[in-house]
Amino acid sequence: MKNLFLSAAIVLGGLTSFASTSPISNTIVKTISIQDDYTEIKLEEVPAPITEALKKAYPDAVLSKAYKNTKSEYKLDVTVGDKVGSLYANADGSWIKK
């Protein structure tokens, strides 16, 4: 009888180790890349209000490249002295923060 209880205890103890589950963690990482699709345009195609705003805000700036996206927003690559940067503007010459 002792052996029956002992073997039943061993079998039940063995089954509990299989019944316990370790926590499974699935980590899903989503990377979202926001990219405005700007296409390069000729410097002559930049609207006059933008060039006037550039001359007014940055008199010493030299416009090296210009880009336009589908929302008629312009990206301007400018050089002021030894600093190079990009400015963003609407077609009416108002600056956009990006």
Protein backbone atom coordinates (compact mmCIF):
# COMPACT_ATOMS: atom_id res chain seq x y z
CA MET A 1 0.00 0.00 0.00
CA LYS A 2 2.90 2.31 0.82
CA ASN A 3 4.34 1.57 -2.58
CA LEU A 4 1.06 2.46 -4.26
CA PHE A 5 0.89 5.83 -2.52
CA LEU A 6 4.58 6.45 -3.11
CA SER A 7 4.34 5.64 -6.82
CA ALA A 8 1.18 7.75 -7.16
CA ALA A 9 2.96 10.69 -5.48
CA ILE A 10 5.95 10.30 -7.81
CA VAL A 11 3.75 10.15 -10.91
CA LEU A 12 1.67 13.18 -9.84
CA GLY A 13 4.83 15.08 -8.91
CA GLY A 14 6.29 14.30 -12.31
CA LEU A 15 3.17 15.50 -14.10
CA THR A 16 3.16 18.81 -12.28
CA SER A 17 6.58 19.63 -13.66
CA PHE A 18 5.18 19.22 -17.17
CA ALA A 19 2.09 21.24 -16.34
CA SER A 20 4.05 24.27 -15.25
CA THR A 21 4.71 26.61 -18.10
CA SER A 22 7.34 29.22 -18.38
CA PRO A 23 6.14 32.64 -19.48
CA ILE A 24 6.61 33.21 -23.16
CA SER A 25 7.19 36.76 -24.20
CA ASN A 26 6.82 37.80 -27.78
CA THR A 27 8.32 41.16 -28.46
CA ILE A 28 7.22 42.85 -31.62
CA VAL A 29 9.12 45.92 -32.65
CA LYS A 30 7.61 48.09 -35.33
CA THR A 31 9.78 50.64 -37.02
CA ILE A 32 7.98 53.38 -38.83
CA SER A 33 10.01 55.51 -41.13
CA ILE A 34 8.47 58.80 -42.09
CA GLN A 35 9.96 60.09 -45.23
CA ASP A 36 8.72 62.99 -47.24
CA ASP A 37 9.37 62.26 -50.87
CA TYR A 38 11.10 65.34 -52.18
CA THR A 39 12.20 65.47 -55.78
CA GLU A 40 14.97 67.77 -56.87
CA ILE A 41 13.96 70.78 -58.92
CA LYS A 42 15.92 73.48 -60.72
CA LEU A 43 16.76 76.57 -58.69
CA GLU A 44 14.83 78.66 -61.22
CA GLU A 45 11.66 76.73 -60.35
CA VAL A 46 11.66 77.90 -56.72
CA PRO A 47 8.74 80.35 -56.28
CA ALA A 48 9.59 84.02 -55.87
CA PRO A 49 8.03 84.31 -52.37
CA ILE A 50 10.43 81.64 -51.12
CA THR A 51 13.53 83.28 -52.59
CA GLU A 52 12.41 86.65 -51.18
CA ALA A 53 11.83 85.11 -47.73
CA LEU A 54 15.26 83.47 -47.92
CA LYS A 55 16.96 86.77 -48.80
CA LYS A 56 15.08 88.53 -46.01
CA ALA A 57 15.75 85.93 -43.30
CA TYR A 58 19.27 84.92 -44.39
CA PRO A 59 20.85 87.66 -46.55
CA ASP A 60 24.19 85.83 -46.84
CA ALA A 61 22.66 82.43 -47.68
CA VAL A 62 23.55 80.69 -50.91
CA LEU A 63 20.92 78.31 -52.26
CA SER A 64 22.65 75.17 -53.54
CA LYS A 65 19.77 72.72 -54.16
CA ALA A 66 15.99 72.78 -54.02
CA TYR A 67 13.46 69.99 -53.65
CA LYS A 68 9.66 69.84 -53.82
CA ASN A 69 7.18 67.27 -52.51
CA THR A 70 3.60 66.45 -53.50
CA LYS A 71 2.16 68.88 -50.91
CA SER A 72 3.99 71.80 -52.57
CA GLU A 73 6.44 72.06 -49.71
CA TYR A 74 10.00 72.97 -50.54
CA LYS A 75 13.26 71.79 -49.03
CA LEU A 76 16.13 74.17 -49.58
CA ASP A 77 19.77 73.22 -49.10
CA VAL A 78 21.56 76.43 -48.17
CA THR A 79 25.06 77.48 -47.20
CA VAL A 80 25.69 80.41 -44.87
CA GLY A 81 29.40 81.02 -44.46
CA ASP A 82 30.87 77.63 -43.57
CA LYS A 83 27.58 76.18 -42.29
CA VAL A 84 25.39 73.96 -44.46
CA GLY A 85 21.76 73.22 -43.62
CA SER A 86 18.27 72.62 -44.89
CA LEU A 87 15.25 74.90 -44.67
CA TYR A 88 11.64 73.98 -45.34
CA ALA A 89 9.03 76.37 -46.73
CA ASN A 90 5.55 76.47 -48.19
CA ALA A 91 4.94 77.85 -51.67
CA ASP A 92 3.88 81.18 -50.16
CA GLY A 93 7.26 81.65 -48.47
CA SER A 94 6.30 80.77 -44.90
CA TRP A 95 8.84 78.61 -43.05
CA ILE A 96 7.99 75.09 -41.86
CA LYS A 97 9.61 73.52 -38.78
CA LYS A 98 10.77 69.93 -39.34
